[in-house]
Amino acid sequence: MAVHTGVLLSALGSVSDVSATVIPSWLQFPGYRVVAALIVVFVGVSLANLSVRLLGRPLARRFDRQSVAQTVLGGIRGGIIVLTLVVAGSLVGLRIGNIVLSVTVFSAVVGIILAPIVGNILNGIFVLADQPFEIGDMIELNDGTRGFVDDITIRYTKIFTLDNTFLVIPNGNIRERDVTNYSAEDERTRLTVDVLVTYESDIPVARELIETAARETENVIKGGPDIRIGSARYPASPRCFIAEFADDGVLLRLRFWATKPYTVMATESAVRTEIRRRFIDSESPVEMAYPHRQLVIDDRTGDAQQARADDILSDGRETESTAGSTETDDPRR
């Protein structure tokens, strides 16, 4: 391996000497090496772009994940460009040994600068290998941010949020976050809506109305075969259960499946609206509950006794005043 590396470095190091022999003397004008290096760079970049276009579809068919295919294409393109820059540098007299020596001398300084970048690159490799999400998946971060994965690179992950903004997160940070993937295998999402009804309500009728309201709402799965999640199976049609006998009423819990994860809030709002409408139109005693509070004043407190005494005293004065005015105004006197 060391022998092959030495041969390669010697070949790249002698490119400058070979170019002086190959290029005719009449083309060796002052600065011809710089022009030749620029031509090599142009040809190398063009070759890199051509390679990406030619290998794009075969690699896309070869790899199941789009992010991996894009990473491989980026590596091929970057490798060609780096090799081109090395050849161009050799044309202008830049030796590979000088580059290696410079990197060795400044390794400590460069290491400090490149440490975060190297960390992000390693985390990007883990993200591509672990496959927690893919381009086009809808994910939710632990801070509640939702969006679609727009791009995954070695250094960062780009998310197109539902607020029509781009969020670029270094791979080192996104691996430390809790990420919920709504599109990993199936976009169908189970949602829950709680409804509190009074104890005087007809509970079976209320449960039926709630289930019917969910089935009649757009983007809600109305029924069909059970939905399998791992080894568990869940009914596809909306189901309403008695969740709790609460202080202010009976808590009914509706569980249903939505077809698209990015319409969660709109679907929940539409279901609640339909439930409210059916409760109002229902002929059975079905009412939504709300807290009732009754305030009781304790007469044993000093403030209450003083207020009561003031009321009695004011009532006595008003009685006396009324009696005096009545006696004066008596026409028989």
Protein backbone atom coordinates (compact mmCIF):
# COMPACT_ATOMS: atom_id res chain seq x y z
CA MET A 1 0.00 0.00 0.00
CA ALA A 2 2.85 2.39 0.87
CA VAL A 3 4.54 1.59 -2.43
CA HIS A 4 1.41 2.41 -4.44
CA THR A 5 0.91 5.64 -2.48
CA GLY A 6 4.48 6.67 -3.13
CA VAL A 7 4.12 5.97 -6.81
CA LEU A 8 0.92 8.04 -6.94
CA LEU A 9 2.52 10.98 -5.15
CA SER A 10 5.54 10.80 -7.41
CA ALA A 11 3.30 10.76 -10.49
CA LEU A 12 1.29 13.75 -9.27
CA GLY A 13 4.47 15.55 -8.25
CA SER A 14 5.99 15.15 -11.68
CA VAL A 15 2.95 16.52 -13.53
CA SER A 16 4.63 19.91 -13.71
CA ASP A 17 7.73 18.43 -15.35
CA VAL A 18 5.66 16.36 -17.77
CA SER A 19 3.61 19.38 -18.78
CA ALA A 20 6.79 21.28 -19.64
CA THR A 21 7.80 18.41 -21.93
CA VAL A 22 4.41 17.80 -23.55
CA ILE A 23 3.39 21.41 -24.18
CA PRO A 24 5.14 22.84 -27.27
CA SER A 25 7.67 25.56 -26.63
CA TRP A 26 5.71 28.11 -28.63
CA LEU A 27 2.82 27.70 -26.19
CA GLN A 28 5.03 28.14 -23.15
CA PHE A 29 4.37 31.84 -22.78
CA PRO A 30 4.74 33.54 -19.41
CA GLY A 31 2.01 32.27 -17.11
CA TYR A 32 1.09 29.30 -19.31
CA ARG A 33 1.09 27.01 -16.25
CA VAL A 34 -1.66 29.08 -14.61
CA VAL A 35 -3.73 28.97 -17.78
CA ALA A 36 -3.20 25.22 -18.04
CA ALA A 37 -4.25 24.81 -14.40
CA LEU A 38 -7.44 26.80 -15.02
CA ILE A 39 -8.22 24.67 -18.06
CA VAL A 40 -7.71 21.51 -15.99
CA VAL A 41 -10.04 22.85 -13.29
CA PHE A 42 -12.71 23.70 -15.87
CA VAL A 43 -12.43 20.27 -17.47
CA GLY A 44 -12.52 18.56 -14.08
CA VAL A 45 -15.65 20.42 -12.91
CA SER A 46 -17.36 19.67 -16.22
CA LEU A 47 -16.40 16.02 -15.91
CA ALA A 48 -17.72 15.91 -12.35
CA ASN A 49 -21.10 17.38 -13.42
CA LEU A 50 -21.27 14.98 -16.37
CA SER A 51 -20.56 12.03 -14.07
CA VAL A 52 -23.39 13.07 -11.75
CA ARG A 53 -25.82 13.27 -14.67
CA LEU A 54 -24.74 9.91 -16.09
CA LEU A 55 -24.68 8.05 -12.77
CA GLY A 56 -27.73 9.73 -11.22
CA ARG A 57 -30.43 7.31 -12.42
CA PRO A 58 -28.37 4.10 -12.06
CA LEU A 59 -27.48 5.00 -8.46
CA ALA A 60 -31.08 6.00 -7.71
CA ARG A 61 -32.18 2.53 -8.84
CA ARG A 62 -29.33 0.91 -6.96
CA PHE A 63 -30.10 2.49 -3.59
CA ASP A 64 -33.55 2.44 -2.01
CA ARG A 65 -32.97 5.65 -0.08
CA GLN A 66 -32.73 8.91 -1.99
CA SER A 67 -30.49 10.51 0.63
CA VAL A 68 -27.88 7.74 0.29
CA ALA A 69 -27.88 8.04 -3.50
CA GLN A 70 -27.41 11.80 -3.26
CA THR A 71 -24.56 11.35 -0.79
CA VAL A 72 -22.77 8.87 -3.07
CA LEU A 73 -23.17 11.22 -6.03
CA GLY A 74 -21.84 14.08 -3.96
CA GLY A 75 -18.83 11.96 -2.97
CA ILE A 76 -18.07 11.09 -6.59
CA ARG A 77 -18.37 14.71 -7.65
CA GLY A 78 -16.23 15.89 -4.75
CA GLY A 79 -13.57 13.26 -5.40
CA ILE A 80 -13.25 14.26 -9.05
CA ILE A 81 -13.00 17.95 -8.13
CA VAL A 82 -10.35 17.27 -5.44
CA LEU A 83 -8.30 15.21 -7.87
CA THR A 84 -8.61 18.00 -10.43
CA LEU A 85 -7.43 20.60 -7.93
CA VAL A 86 -4.44 18.42 -7.03
CA VAL A 87 -3.45 18.11 -10.69
CA ALA A 88 -3.98 21.84 -11.24
CA GLY A 89 -1.86 22.61 -8.20
CA SER A 90 0.90 20.39 -9.49
CA LEU A 91 0.90 22.33 -12.76
CA VAL A 92 1.67 25.56 -10.95
CA GLY A 93 4.42 23.92 -8.89
CA LEU A 94 2.47 22.99 -5.73
CA ARG A 95 3.84 19.67 -4.51
CA ILE A 96 1.84 17.06 -2.62
CA GLY A 97 4.61 16.81 -0.07
CA ASN A 98 4.28 20.51 0.73
CA ILE A 99 0.57 20.09 1.29
CA VAL A 100 1.08 17.13 3.63
CA LEU A 101 3.77 18.99 5.54
CA SER A 102 1.54 22.05 5.93
CA VAL A 103 -1.33 19.93 7.20
CA THR A 104 0.99 18.27 9.70
CA VAL A 105 2.32 21.57 11.00
CA PHE A 106 -1.09 23.19 11.35
CA SER A 107 -3.00 20.05 12.39
CA ALA A 108 -3.62 21.30 15.92
CA VAL A 109 -5.08 24.64 14.80
CA VAL A 110 -7.05 23.15 11.95
CA GLY A 111 -8.26 20.35 14.22
CA ILE A 112 -9.85 22.85 16.59
CA ILE A 113 -11.55 24.62 13.70
CA LEU A 114 -12.70 21.47 11.94
CA ALA A 115 -13.78 19.54 15.05
CA PRO A 116 -17.48 20.60 14.82
CA ILE A 117 -17.51 19.97 11.08
CA VAL A 118 -15.97 16.52 11.50
CA GLY A 119 -18.49 15.77 14.25
CA ASN A 120 -21.38 16.76 12.00
CA ILE A 121 -19.98 14.63 9.19
CA LEU A 122 -19.74 11.58 11.46
CA ASN A 123 -23.26 12.18 12.76
CA GLY A 124 -24.44 12.57 9.17
CA ILE A 125 -23.02 9.14 8.39
CA PHE A 126 -24.91 7.73 11.38
CA VAL A 127 -28.11 9.44 10.25
CA LEU A 128 -27.76 7.90 6.81
CA ALA A 129 -26.96 4.50 8.29
CA ASP A 130 -29.64 4.45 11.02
CA GLN A 131 -32.35 5.71 8.63
CA PRO A 132 -34.53 7.51 11.22
CA PHE A 133 -36.16 9.51 8.42
CA GLU A 134 -35.95 9.99 4.68
CA ILE A 135 -36.36 12.85 2.22
CA GLY A 136 -40.07 13.61 1.94
CA ASP A 137 -40.98 12.28 5.41
CA MET A 138 -42.99 14.44 7.78
CA ILE A 139 -41.26 14.68 11.16
CA GLU A 140 -41.82 16.53 14.42
CA LEU A 141 -39.01 17.73 16.67
CA ASN A 142 -39.15 17.67 20.45
CA ASP A 143 -39.97 21.41 20.51
CA GLY A 144 -43.15 20.84 18.49
CA THR A 145 -41.78 21.95 15.10
CA ARG A 146 -43.28 19.95 12.24
CA GLY A 147 -42.17 19.82 8.66
CA PHE A 148 -41.02 17.74 5.73
CA VAL A 149 -37.44 16.57 5.29
CA ASP A 150 -36.22 18.43 2.22
CA ASP A 151 -32.59 17.32 2.10
CA ILE A 152 -30.12 15.18 4.05
CA THR A 153 -26.43 15.79 3.61
CA ILE A 154 -23.33 14.67 5.44
CA ARG A 155 -23.26 17.91 7.44
CA TYR A 156 -26.87 18.98 7.98
CA THR A 157 -30.53 18.12 7.55
CA LYS A 158 -32.88 20.64 5.92
CA ILE A 159 -36.53 20.69 7.00
CA PHE A 160 -39.30 22.55 5.20
CA THR A 161 -41.67 23.50 8.03
CA LEU A 162 -45.44 23.81 7.86
CA ASP A 163 -44.98 27.56 8.39
CA ASN A 164 -43.37 27.80 4.92
CA THR A 165 -39.87 28.28 6.31
CA PHE A 166 -36.62 26.34 6.00
CA LEU A 167 -34.97 24.92 9.09
CA VAL A 168 -31.35 23.78 8.69
CA ILE A 169 -30.14 21.63 11.60
CA PRO A 170 -26.58 20.26 11.92
CA ASN A 171 -26.59 16.49 12.11
CA GLY A 172 -24.79 16.67 15.43
CA ASN A 173 -27.80 18.47 16.90
CA ILE A 174 -30.58 16.50 15.26
CA ARG A 175 -29.20 13.20 16.57
CA GLU A 176 -29.53 14.58 20.10
CA ARG A 177 -33.21 15.47 19.63
CA ASP A 178 -36.30 13.32 19.91
CA VAL A 179 -37.69 13.08 16.39
CA THR A 180 -41.18 11.75 15.64
CA ASN A 181 -41.50 10.39 12.11
CA TYR A 182 -45.09 10.44 10.83
CA SER A 183 -44.16 8.92 7.46
CA ALA A 184 -41.85 6.08 8.44
CA GLU A 185 -44.07 3.28 7.14
CA ASP A 186 -47.61 4.63 6.97
CA GLU A 187 -48.92 8.20 6.88
CA ARG A 188 -52.12 7.28 8.72
CA THR A 189 -52.11 8.83 12.19
CA ARG A 190 -54.31 8.03 15.16
CA LEU A 191 -55.80 11.06 16.91
CA THR A 192 -57.69 11.52 20.17
CA VAL A 193 -60.47 13.96 21.01
CA ASP A 194 -61.96 14.24 24.53
CA VAL A 195 -65.58 15.30 25.07
CA LEU A 196 -67.05 16.00 28.52
CA VAL A 197 -70.82 15.43 28.82
CA THR A 198 -73.14 15.88 31.79
CA TYR A 199 -74.18 12.99 34.02
CA GLU A 200 -77.78 13.61 32.95
CA SER A 201 -76.91 12.93 29.29
CA ASP A 202 -77.75 9.72 27.50
CA ILE A 203 -74.24 8.24 27.41
CA PRO A 204 -74.85 5.53 24.75
CA VAL A 205 -76.46 8.09 22.43
CA ALA A 206 -73.60 10.54 23.07
CA ARG A 207 -71.02 7.90 22.17
CA GLU A 208 -72.88 7.02 18.99
CA LEU A 209 -73.18 10.67 17.97
CA ILE A 210 -69.46 11.24 18.53
CA GLU A 211 -68.49 8.20 16.44
CA THR A 212 -70.88 9.23 13.65
CA ALA A 213 -69.51 12.78 13.66
CA ALA A 214 -65.99 11.45 13.18
CA ARG A 215 -67.01 9.11 10.36
CA GLU A 216 -68.71 11.97 8.50
CA THR A 217 -65.62 14.21 8.67
CA GLU A 218 -63.24 14.53 5.74
CA ASN A 219 -59.76 12.96 6.02
CA VAL A 220 -61.00 10.51 8.68
CA ILE A 221 -60.84 6.78 7.94
CA LYS A 222 -64.44 5.62 8.18
CA GLY A 223 -63.76 1.89 8.54
CA GLY A 224 -62.29 -1.15 6.89
CA PRO A 225 -59.75 -3.78 7.97
CA ASP A 226 -57.90 -3.26 11.21
CA ILE A 227 -54.76 -1.14 11.04
CA ARG A 228 -51.62 -3.01 11.99
CA ILE A 229 -48.90 -1.20 13.90
CA GLY A 230 -46.07 -3.62 14.62
CA SER A 231 -47.62 -6.68 16.22
CA ALA A 232 -50.71 -4.80 17.45
CA ARG A 233 -53.93 -4.23 15.53
CA TYR A 234 -56.30 -1.32 15.99
CA PRO A 235 -59.82 -0.83 14.62
CA ALA A 236 -59.84 1.51 11.64
CA SER A 237 -63.29 2.99 12.33
CA PRO A 238 -63.74 5.72 14.97
CA ARG A 239 -64.39 4.39 18.47
CA CYS A 240 -65.63 6.29 21.52
CA PHE A 241 -64.94 5.07 25.06
CA ILE A 242 -65.81 6.18 28.57
CA ALA A 243 -62.49 7.48 29.82
CA GLU A 244 -63.35 8.86 33.25
CA PHE A 245 -66.14 9.83 35.61
CA ALA A 246 -64.90 13.33 36.24
CA ASP A 247 -66.06 15.94 38.76
CA ASP A 248 -68.05 17.94 36.22
CA GLY A 249 -69.27 15.14 33.96
CA VAL A 250 -68.47 11.94 32.09
CA LEU A 251 -65.31 12.13 30.00
CA LEU A 252 -65.75 10.42 26.61
CA ARG A 253 -62.62 9.74 24.57
CA LEU A 254 -62.82 9.45 20.78
CA ARG A 255 -60.05 7.67 18.89
CA PHE A 256 -59.89 7.77 15.13
CA TRP A 257 -57.40 7.60 12.27
CA ALA A 258 -56.54 10.48 9.96
CA THR A 259 -55.29 9.87 6.43
CA LYS A 260 -52.66 12.64 6.36
CA PRO A 261 -50.43 13.71 9.26
CA TYR A 262 -50.10 17.31 8.07
CA THR A 263 -53.85 17.97 8.47
CA VAL A 264 -54.01 17.00 12.14
CA MET A 265 -55.24 20.32 13.56
CA ALA A 266 -57.75 20.90 10.76
CA THR A 267 -59.12 17.37 11.12
CA GLU A 268 -59.46 17.63 14.90
CA SER A 269 -61.21 20.99 14.56
CA ALA A 270 -63.62 19.60 11.96
CA VAL A 271 -64.45 16.61 14.19
CA ARG A 272 -65.14 18.84 17.20
CA THR A 273 -67.35 21.11 15.09
CA GLU A 274 -69.37 18.15 13.82
CA ILE A 275 -69.74 16.75 17.35
CA ARG A 276 -71.08 20.08 18.61
CA ARG A 277 -73.54 20.33 15.75
CA ARG A 278 -74.90 16.83 16.32
CA PHE A 279 -75.27 17.44 20.04
CA ILE A 280 -77.36 20.54 19.34
CA ASP A 281 -79.55 18.77 16.77
CA SER A 282 -80.00 15.65 18.90
CA GLU A 283 -83.46 14.94 20.31
CA SER A 284 -81.97 12.92 23.16
CA PRO A 285 -80.70 14.58 26.34
CA VAL A 286 -77.06 15.05 25.39
CA GLU A 287 -75.23 18.12 26.65
CA MET A 288 -71.63 19.12 27.02
CA ALA A 289 -70.57 19.67 30.61
CA TYR A 290 -68.74 22.62 32.04
CA PRO A 291 -67.64 23.48 35.60
CA HIS A 292 -70.28 24.89 38.00
CA ARG A 293 -69.21 26.81 41.08
CA GLN A 294 -71.39 27.82 44.07
CA LEU A 295 -70.04 30.47 46.44
CA VAL A 296 -71.00 30.16 50.15
CA ILE A 297 -70.31 32.96 52.66
CA ASP A 298 -69.35 31.79 56.12
CA ASP A 299 -71.30 33.92 58.68
CA ARG A 300 -68.91 32.92 61.44
CA THR A 301 -66.16 35.20 60.18
CA GLY A 302 -65.80 38.66 61.68
CA ASP A 303 -66.18 40.47 58.36
CA ALA A 304 -69.41 38.72 57.61
CA GLN A 305 -70.82 39.52 61.10
CA GLN A 306 -69.88 43.18 60.80
CA ALA A 307 -71.43 43.41 57.36
CA ARG A 308 -74.58 41.73 58.69
CA ALA A 309 -74.74 44.17 61.62
CA ASP A 310 -74.32 47.13 59.27
CA ASP A 311 -77.13 45.83 57.10
CA ILE A 312 -79.44 45.38 60.09
CA LEU A 313 -78.62 48.85 61.40
CA SER A 314 -79.19 50.48 58.03
CA ASP A 315 -82.46 48.60 57.66
CA GLY A 316 -83.60 49.84 61.11
CA ARG A 317 -82.83 53.47 60.23
CA GLU A 318 -84.71 53.20 56.99
CA THR A 319 -87.71 51.76 58.87
CA GLU A 320 -87.73 54.57 61.40
CA SER A 321 -87.37 57.21 58.69
CA THR A 322 -90.23 55.70 56.79
CA ALA A 323 -92.40 55.57 59.88
CA GLY A 324 -91.71 59.26 60.71
CA SER A 325 -92.54 60.42 57.23
CA THR A 326 -95.72 58.40 57.30
CA GLU A 327 -96.83 59.94 60.60
CA THR A 328 -96.21 63.51 59.35
CA ASP A 329 -98.02 63.01 56.12
CA ASP A 330 -101.14 61.54 57.74
CA PRO A 331 -104.03 63.79 56.58
CA ARG A 332 -106.09 62.97 59.71
CA ARG A 333 -103.68 64.86 61.96
